[in-house]
Amino acid sequence: MSVYIAYIVIFLLGATPFMEVIGVIPIGVAAGLPAFPVVILAFLGNILTIWLLIMMMDRVKLWLQRRKEKKGKNIPEKREKRAVTVWKKYGLPGLALLSPILIGSHLGAILAMGFGGTRKKITFWMTSSIIGWTIVMGIASYFGIDYLFKQTGREGFLTDIIDME
């Protein structure tokens, strides 16, 4: 398996709701891939889908409204309740900064739109949040997983099947 396929998977997982940089960076580094490309690709996958959601804000709102009407769900889900609590307490900055760990950044962006945030503010705060979480997870994964590799004598769970050249 080529290392490029592994990098494509990292990008796609970064773009996947609820995986995002929080989960993808540690997985990529634990797989034995170099931390820097994993961090960059996970970030790009995550941020590009968030920007796409924000650009298509009106269409996404309409789609979600129709979906709820079809399902007949007027009761907010657990994740929505958490987001409302964060929104009331901390506003858009709090929702943007906490959504990656509480509800996922994609859902956080959608809910921020629903709560009345503007495109410009949502873009700024979600981008800042994802940059921050990318840095935190990149550093924590690099040093934490490097420590585990030294303790166990392993190099990553994909190193045997990936041609790193």
C-alpha atoms as a PDB file:
ATOM      1  CA  MET A   1       0.000   0.000   0.000  1.00  0.00           C
ATOM      2  CA  SER A   2       1.341   3.406  -0.915  1.00  0.00           C
ATOM      3  CA  VAL A   3       1.804   6.091   1.697  1.00  0.00           C
ATOM      4  CA  TYR A   4      -0.184   8.393  -0.605  1.00  0.00           C
ATOM      5  CA  ILE A   5      -3.291   6.253  -0.140  1.00  0.00           C
ATOM      6  CA  ALA A   6      -2.845   6.556   3.620  1.00  0.00           C
ATOM      7  CA  TYR A   7      -2.619  10.347   3.254  1.00  0.00           C
ATOM      8  CA  ILE A   8      -5.788  10.428   1.139  1.00  0.00           C
ATOM      9  CA  VAL A   9      -7.556   8.423   3.846  1.00  0.00           C
ATOM     10  CA  ILE A  10      -6.332  10.918   6.482  1.00  0.00           C
ATOM     11  CA  PHE A  11      -7.728  13.810   4.417  1.00  0.00           C
ATOM     12  CA  LEU A  12     -11.088  12.071   3.918  1.00  0.00           C
ATOM     13  CA  LEU A  13     -11.376  11.112   7.583  1.00  0.00           C
ATOM     14  CA  GLY A  14     -10.577  14.709   8.525  1.00  0.00           C
ATOM     15  CA  ALA A  15     -13.488  15.785   6.336  1.00  0.00           C
ATOM     16  CA  THR A  16     -15.821  13.246   7.940  1.00  0.00           C
ATOM     17  CA  PRO A  17     -18.210  14.634  10.568  1.00  0.00           C
ATOM     18  CA  PHE A  18     -17.453  13.456  14.115  1.00  0.00           C
ATOM     19  CA  MET A  19     -13.975  12.137  13.140  1.00  0.00           C
ATOM     20  CA  GLU A  20     -12.309  15.444  12.327  1.00  0.00           C
ATOM     21  CA  VAL A  21      -8.900  16.554  13.606  1.00  0.00           C
ATOM     22  CA  ILE A  22      -9.671  15.419  17.152  1.00  0.00           C
ATOM     23  CA  GLY A  23      -9.754  11.755  16.146  1.00  0.00           C
ATOM     24  CA  VAL A  24      -7.819  11.618  12.902  1.00  0.00           C
ATOM     25  CA  ILE A  25      -4.517  13.125  14.025  1.00  0.00           C
ATOM     26  CA  PRO A  26      -3.901  10.596  16.835  1.00  0.00           C
ATOM     27  CA  ILE A  27      -4.941   7.723  14.554  1.00  0.00           C
ATOM     28  CA  GLY A  28      -2.626   8.876  11.754  1.00  0.00           C
ATOM     29  CA  VAL A  29       0.351   9.349  14.060  1.00  0.00           C
ATOM     30  CA  ALA A  30      -0.348   6.022  15.809  1.00  0.00           C
ATOM     31  CA  ALA A  31      -0.404   4.396  12.377  1.00  0.00           C
ATOM     32  CA  GLY A  32       3.228   5.395  12.001  1.00  0.00           C
ATOM     33  CA  LEU A  33       2.738   8.231   9.525  1.00  0.00           C
ATOM     34  CA  PRO A  34       4.840  11.384   9.964  1.00  0.00           C
ATOM     35  CA  ALA A  35       2.998  13.857  12.193  1.00  0.00           C
ATOM     36  CA  PHE A  36       3.390  17.003  10.074  1.00  0.00           C
ATOM     37  CA  PRO A  37       1.629  15.744   6.910  1.00  0.00           C
ATOM     38  CA  VAL A  38      -1.053  14.061   9.037  1.00  0.00           C
ATOM     39  CA  VAL A  39      -1.752  17.331  10.870  1.00  0.00           C
ATOM     40  CA  ILE A  40      -1.888  19.374   7.650  1.00  0.00           C
ATOM     41  CA  LEU A  41      -4.104  16.910   5.756  1.00  0.00           C
ATOM     42  CA  ALA A  42      -6.494  16.349   8.672  1.00  0.00           C
ATOM     43  CA  PHE A  43      -6.797  20.122   9.101  1.00  0.00           C
ATOM     44  CA  LEU A  44      -7.446  20.708   5.388  1.00  0.00           C
ATOM     45  CA  GLY A  45     -10.069  17.968   5.236  1.00  0.00           C
ATOM     46  CA  ASN A  46     -11.842  19.342   8.300  1.00  0.00           C
ATOM     47  CA  ILE A  47     -11.703  23.043   7.442  1.00  0.00           C
ATOM     48  CA  LEU A  48     -12.672  22.685   3.774  1.00  0.00           C
ATOM     49  CA  THR A  49     -15.899  20.875   4.634  1.00  0.00           C
ATOM     50  CA  ILE A  50     -16.705  23.457   7.320  1.00  0.00           C
ATOM     51  CA  TRP A  51     -16.166  26.302   4.838  1.00  0.00           C
ATOM     52  CA  LEU A  52     -18.331  24.468   2.303  1.00  0.00           C
ATOM     53  CA  LEU A  53     -21.107  24.122   4.887  1.00  0.00           C
ATOM     54  CA  ILE A  54     -20.897  27.808   5.758  1.00  0.00           C
ATOM     55  CA  MET A  55     -20.959  28.858   2.080  1.00  0.00           C
ATOM     56  CA  MET A  56     -24.043  26.715   1.519  1.00  0.00           C
ATOM     57  CA  MET A  57     -25.690  27.891   4.745  1.00  0.00           C
ATOM     58  CA  ASP A  58     -29.141  28.607   3.319  1.00  0.00           C
ATOM     59  CA  ARG A  59     -29.368  25.293   1.477  1.00  0.00           C
ATOM     60  CA  VAL A  60     -28.186  23.353   4.522  1.00  0.00           C
ATOM     61  CA  LYS A  61     -30.786  25.052   6.763  1.00  0.00           C
ATOM     62  CA  LEU A  62     -33.570  24.227   4.292  1.00  0.00           C
ATOM     63  CA  TRP A  63     -32.382  20.610   3.946  1.00  0.00           C
ATOM     64  CA  LEU A  64     -32.250  20.135   7.732  1.00  0.00           C
ATOM     65  CA  GLN A  65     -35.701  21.655   8.160  1.00  0.00           C
ATOM     66  CA  ARG A  66     -37.210  19.340   5.526  1.00  0.00           C
ATOM     67  CA  ARG A  67     -35.430  16.334   7.029  1.00  0.00           C
ATOM     68  CA  LYS A  68     -36.822  17.068  10.493  1.00  0.00           C
ATOM     69  CA  GLU A  69     -40.317  17.544   9.087  1.00  0.00           C
ATOM     70  CA  LYS A  70     -40.144  14.203   7.251  1.00  0.00           C
ATOM     71  CA  LYS A  71     -39.021  12.390  10.376  1.00  0.00           C
ATOM     72  CA  GLY A  72     -41.538  14.260  12.486  1.00  0.00           C
ATOM     73  CA  LYS A  73     -38.893  15.122  15.047  1.00  0.00           C
ATOM     74  CA  ASN A  74     -39.561  18.258  17.026  1.00  0.00           C
ATOM     75  CA  ILE A  75     -37.738  17.040  20.126  1.00  0.00           C
ATOM     76  CA  PRO A  76     -34.118  18.228  20.154  1.00  0.00           C
ATOM     77  CA  GLU A  77     -31.468  15.527  20.235  1.00  0.00           C
ATOM     78  CA  LYS A  78     -28.893  15.216  23.023  1.00  0.00           C
ATOM     79  CA  ARG A  79     -26.189  16.901  20.940  1.00  0.00           C
ATOM     80  CA  GLU A  80     -28.497  19.803  20.106  1.00  0.00           C
ATOM     81  CA  LYS A  81     -29.315  20.278  23.789  1.00  0.00           C
ATOM     82  CA  ARG A  82     -25.591  20.471  24.593  1.00  0.00           C
ATOM     83  CA  ALA A  83     -25.091  23.020  21.822  1.00  0.00           C
ATOM     84  CA  VAL A  84     -27.986  25.192  23.039  1.00  0.00           C
ATOM     85  CA  THR A  85     -26.527  25.148  26.554  1.00  0.00           C
ATOM     86  CA  VAL A  86     -23.090  26.182  25.268  1.00  0.00           C
ATOM     87  CA  TRP A  87     -24.624  28.848  22.982  1.00  0.00           C
ATOM     88  CA  LYS A  88     -26.629  30.423  25.814  1.00  0.00           C
ATOM     89  CA  LYS A  89     -23.667  30.401  28.173  1.00  0.00           C
ATOM     90  CA  TYR A  90     -20.736  31.309  25.889  1.00  0.00           C
ATOM     91  CA  GLY A  91     -22.177  32.464  22.547  1.00  0.00           C
ATOM     92  CA  LEU A  92     -20.606  31.761  19.170  1.00  0.00           C
ATOM     93  CA  PRO A  93     -16.974  31.738  20.411  1.00  0.00           C
ATOM     94  CA  GLY A  94     -17.819  29.125  23.041  1.00  0.00           C
ATOM     95  CA  LEU A  95     -19.791  26.965  20.629  1.00  0.00           C
ATOM     96  CA  ALA A  96     -17.008  27.120  18.040  1.00  0.00           C
ATOM     97  CA  LEU A  97     -14.261  26.308  20.547  1.00  0.00           C
ATOM     98  CA  LEU A  98     -16.143  23.537  22.363  1.00  0.00           C
ATOM     99  CA  SER A  99     -18.046  21.925  19.489  1.00  0.00           C
ATOM    100  CA  PRO A 100     -15.144  19.787  18.197  1.00  0.00           C
ATOM    101  CA  ILE A 101     -14.970  17.907  21.508  1.00  0.00           C
ATOM    102  CA  LEU A 102     -18.661  17.996  22.469  1.00  0.00           C
ATOM    103  CA  ILE A 103     -20.715  17.634  19.285  1.00  0.00           C
ATOM    104  CA  GLY A 104     -18.350  17.809  16.301  1.00  0.00           C
ATOM    105  CA  SER A 105     -17.315  20.911  14.371  1.00  0.00           C
ATOM    106  CA  HIS A 106     -19.645  20.213  11.430  1.00  0.00           C
ATOM    107  CA  LEU A 107     -22.711  20.043  13.668  1.00  0.00           C
ATOM    108  CA  GLY A 108     -21.383  23.033  15.614  1.00  0.00           C
ATOM    109  CA  ALA A 109     -21.224  25.112  12.427  1.00  0.00           C
ATOM    110  CA  ILE A 110     -24.726  24.042  11.382  1.00  0.00           C
ATOM    111  CA  LEU A 111     -26.151  24.847  14.817  1.00  0.00           C
ATOM    112  CA  ALA A 112     -24.347  28.207  14.915  1.00  0.00           C
ATOM    113  CA  MET A 113     -26.113  29.028  11.647  1.00  0.00           C
ATOM    114  CA  GLY A 114     -29.428  27.980  13.132  1.00  0.00           C
ATOM    115  CA  PHE A 115     -28.841  30.090  16.248  1.00  0.00           C
ATOM    116  CA  GLY A 116     -28.372  33.182  14.086  1.00  0.00           C
ATOM    117  CA  GLY A 117     -24.611  33.531  13.643  1.00  0.00           C
ATOM    118  CA  THR A 118     -23.408  35.378  10.551  1.00  0.00           C
ATOM    119  CA  ARG A 119     -21.295  33.696   7.877  1.00  0.00           C
ATOM    120  CA  LYS A 120     -18.340  35.955   8.603  1.00  0.00           C
ATOM    121  CA  LYS A 121     -18.355  35.346  12.371  1.00  0.00           C
ATOM    122  CA  ILE A 122     -18.986  31.611  12.062  1.00  0.00           C
ATOM    123  CA  THR A 123     -16.147  31.317   9.532  1.00  0.00           C
ATOM    124  CA  PHE A 124     -13.750  33.225  11.796  1.00  0.00           C
ATOM    125  CA  TRP A 125     -14.592  31.343  15.001  1.00  0.00           C
ATOM    126  CA  MET A 126     -14.808  27.871  13.465  1.00  0.00           C
ATOM    127  CA  THR A 127     -11.514  28.384  11.611  1.00  0.00           C
ATOM    128  CA  SER A 128      -9.837  29.639  14.796  1.00  0.00           C
ATOM    129  CA  SER A 129     -11.212  26.707  16.751  1.00  0.00           C
ATOM    130  CA  ILE A 130     -10.078  24.108  14.238  1.00  0.00           C
ATOM    131  CA  ILE A 131      -6.614  25.694  14.022  1.00  0.00           C
ATOM    132  CA  GLY A 132      -6.363  25.588  17.810  1.00  0.00           C
ATOM    133  CA  TRP A 133      -7.537  21.986  18.131  1.00  0.00           C
ATOM    134  CA  THR A 134      -5.254  20.952  15.267  1.00  0.00           C
ATOM    135  CA  ILE A 135      -2.241  22.402  17.082  1.00  0.00           C
ATOM    136  CA  VAL A 136      -3.241  20.830  20.407  1.00  0.00           C
ATOM    137  CA  MET A 137      -3.907  17.400  18.906  1.00  0.00           C
ATOM    138  CA  GLY A 138      -0.796  17.559  16.716  1.00  0.00           C
ATOM    139  CA  ILE A 139       1.512  18.306  19.642  1.00  0.00           C
ATOM    140  CA  ALA A 140      -0.216  15.871  22.006  1.00  0.00           C
ATOM    141  CA  SER A 141      -0.204  13.090  19.416  1.00  0.00           C
ATOM    142  CA  TYR A 142       3.391  13.677  18.373  1.00  0.00           C
ATOM    143  CA  PHE A 143       4.806  13.571  21.890  1.00  0.00           C
ATOM    144  CA  GLY A 144       2.299  11.150  23.431  1.00  0.00           C
ATOM    145  CA  ILE A 145       2.456   8.524  20.720  1.00  0.00           C
ATOM    146  CA  ASP A 146       6.234   8.943  20.346  1.00  0.00           C
ATOM    147  CA  TYR A 147       6.492   8.163  24.060  1.00  0.00           C
ATOM    148  CA  LEU A 148       4.317   5.054  23.607  1.00  0.00           C
ATOM    149  CA  PHE A 149       6.407   3.913  20.640  1.00  0.00           C
ATOM    150  CA  LYS A 150       9.577   4.205  22.729  1.00  0.00           C
ATOM    151  CA  GLN A 151       7.987   2.292  25.611  1.00  0.00           C
ATOM    152  CA  THR A 152       6.652  -0.535  23.447  1.00  0.00           C
ATOM    153  CA  GLY A 153       9.351  -0.673  20.775  1.00  0.00           C
ATOM    154  CA  ARG A 154       6.717  -0.365  18.025  1.00  0.00           C
ATOM    155  CA  GLU A 155       6.608   2.036  15.108  1.00  0.00           C
ATOM    156  CA  GLY A 156       2.914   2.190  14.219  1.00  0.00           C
ATOM    157  CA  PHE A 157       0.183  -0.187  13.192  1.00  0.00           C
ATOM    158  CA  LEU A 158       0.489   0.515   9.446  1.00  0.00           C
ATOM    159  CA  THR A 159       4.270   0.544   9.060  1.00  0.00           C
ATOM    160  CA  ASP A 160       4.367  -3.090   7.950  1.00  0.00           C
ATOM    161  CA  ILE A 161       1.944  -2.594   5.053  1.00  0.00           C
ATOM    162  CA  ILE A 162       2.815   0.951   3.925  1.00  0.00           C
ATOM    163  CA  ASP A 163       5.726   1.589   1.628  1.00  0.00           C
ATOM    164  CA  MET A 164       7.076   4.801   3.200  1.00  0.00           C
ATOM    165  CA  GLU A 165       9.220   5.738   0.193  1.00  0.00           C
END
